Amino acid sequence: MTFDELMTAGRASNELVMPATWSQGRATFGGLATGLLFDRMERAVADSRPMRSMNVSFVAPVEAGVPALFEVQILREGRSVSQVEGRIIQNGEPRLICIGAFAGDRESIVQVDGEPAPDAKPVDQCQSLPFIEGVTPGFIGYIEMRWAYGSMPFTGGSGREMGGWMRFREVPKTLADAHIVALVDAWPAPVLQHFKSAVPASSLSWALDIIHPRPVLKADDWLLYKASIEQAGDGYCHFNARVWTPRGELLAVSRQTVTVFG
């Protein structure tokens, strides 16, 4: 099932079974789980209040083939801001928890443009991460990434940066905020390029801001992603990332803490 098909199924019921084809190791791809939960949270508030900031805790793996219950609660509805909590529950236990701030525009005399995109090779000149069943994570069959910065995972690199171009392999009807949530989480932690052989890694926490008013996007746009390691050691990696439109407009700001088992 594509991301759009799963999003449609999730809107029809509070319970959803994650397909194994969206796997990431022993868990469901975190971007899929978070994107589907985000879609429910977004629909709980007024259209005039887009998501400005979201914090995610990956409490435990969201398993494939196990019924997952999606719960959404509005914690507070203020004049301009709605604070919303979302949870994914499996076997009676929380597996993923999100807190999102959805906020309308405010008048302000200050206007500072977003950080412009860095130079990057054109998409057709960048190496693609192929989907190889049984080798690469299952979700790579749905999301395409093309390397413009850093090295591929597990190639013994030494840099701080990783990233490139990304989009869904099957173009969605529209590129909504839920799609952006899923795409941003697709990239591996940049520390993985330092290893010479495969090691497990999993996200511990994630903070994501989407810039609004959001730049206009076409459904088939390639988005540019660039991550940089802040610090790595003792089995953890802290890194920040930015996302831009093909025209160089800042679209999202991300920061993750990842557990590395190696």
Protein backbone atom coordinates (compact mmCIF):
# COMPACT_ATOMS: atom_id res chain seq x y z
CA MET A 1 0.00 0.00 0.00
CA THR A 2 1.24 3.49 -0.82
CA PHE A 3 1.45 6.27 1.75
CA ASP A 4 -1.75 7.83 0.37
CA GLU A 5 -3.60 4.50 0.52
CA LEU A 6 -2.57 4.00 4.14
CA MET A 7 -3.55 7.56 5.00
CA THR A 8 -7.00 6.97 3.48
CA ALA A 9 -7.38 3.70 5.40
CA GLY A 10 -6.29 5.41 8.61
CA ARG A 11 -8.95 8.08 8.23
CA ALA A 12 -11.66 5.43 8.05
CA SER A 13 -10.82 3.81 11.39
CA ASN A 14 -8.98 4.48 14.64
CA GLU A 15 -7.17 1.18 14.19
CA LEU A 16 -4.71 0.28 11.45
CA VAL A 17 -2.37 -2.63 10.77
CA MET A 18 1.02 -1.53 9.45
CA PRO A 19 2.17 -3.53 6.40
CA ALA A 20 5.53 -5.30 6.51
CA THR A 21 6.51 -3.69 3.20
CA TRP A 22 7.07 -0.40 5.11
CA SER A 23 9.60 -2.00 7.45
CA GLN A 24 12.74 -0.48 8.93
CA GLY A 25 14.56 -3.27 10.68
CA ARG A 26 12.26 -4.83 13.26
CA ALA A 27 9.97 -1.79 13.29
CA THR A 28 7.67 0.02 10.92
CA PHE A 29 9.38 3.00 9.25
CA GLY A 30 9.10 5.85 11.76
CA GLY A 31 8.27 8.42 9.11
CA LEU A 32 5.24 6.41 8.03
CA ALA A 33 3.94 5.94 11.59
CA THR A 34 4.56 9.60 12.47
CA GLY A 35 3.09 10.86 9.19
CA LEU A 36 -0.11 8.87 9.65
CA LEU A 37 -0.47 10.04 13.25
CA PHE A 38 0.29 13.62 12.22
CA ASP A 39 -2.50 13.46 9.62
CA ARG A 40 -5.00 12.63 12.38
CA MET A 41 -3.66 15.40 14.61
CA GLU A 42 -3.83 17.94 11.79
CA ARG A 43 -7.46 17.09 11.02
CA ALA A 44 -8.39 17.69 14.68
CA VAL A 45 -7.72 21.44 14.41
CA ALA A 46 -8.90 24.28 12.17
CA ASP A 47 -7.44 24.55 8.66
CA SER A 48 -6.17 28.02 9.55
CA ARG A 49 -3.77 26.52 12.11
CA PRO A 50 -0.96 24.63 10.36
CA MET A 51 1.61 22.69 12.31
CA ARG A 52 4.53 24.90 13.33
CA SER A 53 6.39 22.53 15.62
CA MET A 54 6.16 18.87 16.61
CA ASN A 55 8.08 16.72 19.09
CA VAL A 56 8.13 12.95 18.70
CA SER A 57 9.19 10.24 21.15
CA PHE A 58 9.78 6.80 19.68
CA VAL A 59 8.88 4.89 22.83
CA ALA A 60 9.02 1.39 21.32
CA PRO A 61 8.91 -0.15 17.84
CA VAL A 62 5.60 0.12 15.98
CA GLU A 63 5.27 -3.47 14.78
CA ALA A 64 4.03 -4.61 11.41
CA GLY A 65 1.04 -6.95 11.36
CA VAL A 66 -0.15 -5.88 14.83
CA PRO A 67 -3.27 -3.69 15.19
CA ALA A 68 -2.22 -0.14 16.05
CA LEU A 69 -4.65 2.20 17.81
CA PHE A 70 -4.38 5.90 16.92
CA GLU A 71 -5.42 8.33 19.67
CA VAL A 72 -5.58 12.14 19.37
CA GLN A 73 -6.35 14.63 22.14
CA ILE A 74 -6.47 18.43 22.02
CA LEU A 75 -4.62 19.52 25.14
CA ARG A 76 -5.40 23.21 24.80
CA GLU A 77 -7.10 25.46 22.28
CA GLY A 78 -5.93 29.06 22.63
CA ARG A 79 -6.64 32.16 20.57
CA SER A 80 -3.93 31.36 18.06
CA VAL A 81 -2.41 28.02 19.07
CA SER A 82 -3.77 24.50 19.46
CA GLN A 83 -1.64 22.03 21.42
CA VAL A 84 -2.38 18.47 20.29
CA GLU A 85 -1.17 15.10 21.54
CA GLY A 86 -1.16 11.98 19.40
CA ARG A 87 -0.36 8.40 20.38
CA ILE A 88 0.03 5.06 18.67
CA ILE A 89 -0.88 2.17 20.99
CA GLN A 90 -0.09 -1.50 20.39
CA ASN A 91 -0.87 -4.35 22.79
CA GLY A 92 -2.06 -1.75 25.30
CA GLU A 93 1.30 0.05 25.37
CA PRO A 94 2.32 3.43 23.87
CA ARG A 95 4.74 2.97 20.99
CA LEU A 96 4.92 6.50 19.59
CA ILE A 97 3.92 9.84 21.16
CA CYS A 98 3.69 13.23 19.41
CA ILE A 99 3.05 16.71 20.78
CA GLY A 100 2.25 19.23 18.06
CA ALA A 101 1.75 23.00 18.12
CA PHE A 102 -0.69 24.11 15.42
CA ALA A 103 -0.83 27.87 15.12
CA GLY A 104 -2.40 30.56 12.98
CA ASP A 105 -0.63 33.66 11.69
CA ARG A 106 0.09 36.65 13.93
CA GLU A 107 0.80 40.24 12.93
CA SER A 108 4.46 41.18 13.26
CA ILE A 109 6.78 43.96 12.10
CA VAL A 110 9.67 41.45 11.84
CA GLN A 111 10.26 39.43 8.66
CA VAL A 112 13.44 37.40 8.19
CA ASP A 113 13.71 35.09 5.20
CA GLY A 114 14.55 31.43 5.72
CA GLU A 115 18.08 30.17 5.32
CA PRO A 116 18.68 29.64 1.57
CA ALA A 117 19.53 26.22 0.18
CA PRO A 118 23.19 25.24 -0.19
CA ASP A 119 24.66 24.28 -3.54
CA ALA A 120 23.79 20.76 -4.63
CA LYS A 121 24.36 18.68 -7.72
CA PRO A 122 21.30 18.27 -9.96
CA VAL A 123 19.12 15.26 -9.21
CA ASP A 124 20.16 13.37 -12.35
CA GLN A 125 23.82 13.62 -11.33
CA CYS A 126 23.32 12.16 -7.84
CA GLN A 127 23.63 8.50 -6.87
CA SER A 128 20.36 6.83 -5.95
CA LEU A 129 19.89 4.42 -3.06
CA PRO A 130 18.33 1.40 -4.78
CA PHE A 131 15.64 -0.75 -3.22
CA ILE A 132 17.04 -4.27 -2.86
CA GLU A 133 14.57 -6.61 -1.16
CA GLY A 134 16.10 -8.17 1.93
CA VAL A 135 19.04 -5.75 1.90
CA THR A 136 17.75 -2.18 2.12
CA PRO A 137 14.84 -1.25 4.44
CA GLY A 138 11.41 -2.01 3.00
CA PHE A 139 10.28 1.62 2.93
CA ILE A 140 12.99 2.43 0.36
CA GLY A 141 10.62 0.79 -2.12
CA TYR A 142 8.30 3.78 -1.63
CA ILE A 143 10.73 6.69 -1.13
CA GLU A 144 13.62 7.59 -3.41
CA MET A 145 16.75 9.34 -2.15
CA ARG A 146 19.65 10.63 -4.23
CA TRP A 147 22.94 11.45 -2.50
CA ALA A 148 24.37 14.96 -2.87
CA TYR A 149 26.25 15.25 0.45
CA GLY A 150 28.35 12.77 2.41
CA SER A 151 28.67 9.04 1.82
CA MET A 152 26.25 6.13 1.71
CA PRO A 153 25.63 4.33 5.03
CA PHE A 154 28.22 1.74 6.08
CA THR A 155 30.88 2.83 3.58
CA GLY A 156 33.49 4.00 6.09
CA GLY A 157 33.16 7.72 5.48
CA SER A 158 34.33 10.38 7.89
CA GLY A 159 32.20 13.48 7.31
CA ARG A 160 29.59 15.24 9.40
CA GLU A 161 27.11 15.87 6.58
CA MET A 162 24.68 13.67 4.68
CA GLY A 163 21.76 14.37 2.39
CA GLY A 164 20.46 15.02 -1.07
CA TRP A 165 17.20 14.91 -2.99
CA MET A 166 14.08 12.98 -1.98
CA ARG A 167 10.53 12.28 -3.12
CA PHE A 168 7.96 9.47 -3.23
CA ARG A 169 8.55 6.94 -5.98
CA GLU A 170 4.83 6.99 -6.78
CA VAL A 171 3.88 10.65 -7.02
CA PRO A 172 0.99 11.54 -4.65
CA LYS A 173 -1.96 13.65 -5.74
CA THR A 174 -0.71 16.51 -3.58
CA LEU A 175 2.34 17.02 -1.39
CA ALA A 176 0.76 17.74 2.00
CA ASP A 177 2.47 18.33 5.35
CA ALA A 178 1.95 14.65 6.24
CA HIS A 179 4.02 13.68 3.19
CA ILE A 180 6.78 16.07 4.25
CA VAL A 181 6.84 14.48 7.74
CA ALA A 182 7.37 11.04 6.20
CA LEU A 183 10.04 12.20 3.74
CA VAL A 184 12.16 14.03 6.32
CA ASP A 185 12.50 10.92 8.48
CA ALA A 186 13.55 8.74 5.55
CA TRP A 187 17.21 9.73 5.63
CA PRO A 188 19.56 7.63 7.76
CA ALA A 189 21.48 9.24 10.58
CA PRO A 190 24.65 10.78 9.11
CA VAL A 191 26.79 8.90 11.64
CA LEU A 192 26.03 5.64 9.79
CA GLN A 193 28.39 6.61 6.98
CA HIS A 194 31.27 6.23 9.48
CA PHE A 195 30.75 2.47 9.83
CA LYS A 196 32.31 -0.04 7.43
CA SER A 197 29.60 -2.65 7.96
CA ALA A 198 25.90 -2.53 8.80
CA VAL A 199 24.90 -1.74 12.39
CA PRO A 200 21.38 -1.23 13.81
CA ALA A 201 20.19 2.28 14.64
CA SER A 202 16.88 3.71 15.77
CA SER A 203 15.45 7.16 16.44
CA LEU A 204 14.97 8.06 20.08
CA SER A 205 13.44 11.53 19.70
CA TRP A 206 12.66 13.93 16.88
CA ALA A 207 11.77 17.63 16.72
CA LEU A 208 10.35 18.94 13.44
CA ASP A 209 9.26 22.44 12.40
CA ILE A 210 7.47 23.10 9.10
CA ILE A 211 7.85 26.64 7.80
CA HIS A 212 4.63 28.62 7.17
CA PRO A 213 3.38 30.19 5.08
CA ARG A 214 4.57 27.05 3.37
CA PRO A 215 6.22 27.51 -0.03
CA VAL A 216 4.13 26.25 -2.94
CA LEU A 217 5.01 22.66 -3.88
CA LYS A 218 4.16 20.46 -6.83
CA ALA A 219 3.37 16.82 -6.12
CA ASP A 220 6.41 15.62 -8.08
CA ASP A 221 8.90 18.11 -6.63
CA TRP A 222 12.26 16.81 -5.45
CA LEU A 223 13.01 18.20 -1.97
CA LEU A 224 16.57 18.90 -0.84
CA TYR A 225 17.67 17.56 2.56
CA LYS A 226 20.96 18.22 4.35
CA ALA A 227 21.85 16.90 7.81
CA SER A 228 24.89 17.64 9.98
CA ILE A 229 26.19 15.79 13.03
CA GLU A 230 26.34 17.97 16.15
CA GLN A 231 27.93 15.25 18.29
CA ALA A 232 28.17 11.47 18.28
CA GLY A 233 29.48 9.10 20.93
CA ASP A 234 28.56 6.58 23.62
CA GLY A 235 26.07 4.94 21.27
CA TYR A 236 24.11 8.08 20.34
CA CYS A 237 24.14 10.64 17.55
CA HIS A 238 22.68 14.15 17.71
CA PHE A 239 22.13 15.83 14.36
CA ASN A 240 20.20 18.68 12.79
CA ALA A 241 18.81 18.99 9.27
CA ARG A 242 17.18 21.45 6.89
CA VAL A 243 14.81 20.84 3.98
CA TRP A 244 14.35 23.13 0.96
CA THR A 245 12.13 23.30 -2.11
CA PRO A 246 13.68 22.85 -5.58
CA ARG A 247 13.77 26.65 -5.79
CA GLY A 248 15.88 26.94 -2.62
CA GLU A 249 13.13 28.03 -0.19
CA LEU A 250 13.41 26.75 3.39
CA LEU A 251 10.64 24.24 4.03
CA ALA A 252 11.42 22.45 7.31
CA VAL A 253 13.87 22.27 10.20
CA SER A 254 14.60 18.97 11.92
CA ARG A 255 16.65 17.66 14.84
CA GLN A 256 17.01 14.05 15.95
CA THR A 257 18.68 11.94 18.60
CA VAL A 258 19.44 8.44 17.36
CA THR A 259 20.57 5.33 19.22
CA VAL A 260 23.38 3.50 17.44
CA PHE A 261 24.15 -0.13 18.30
CA GLY A 262 27.75 -0.29 17.17
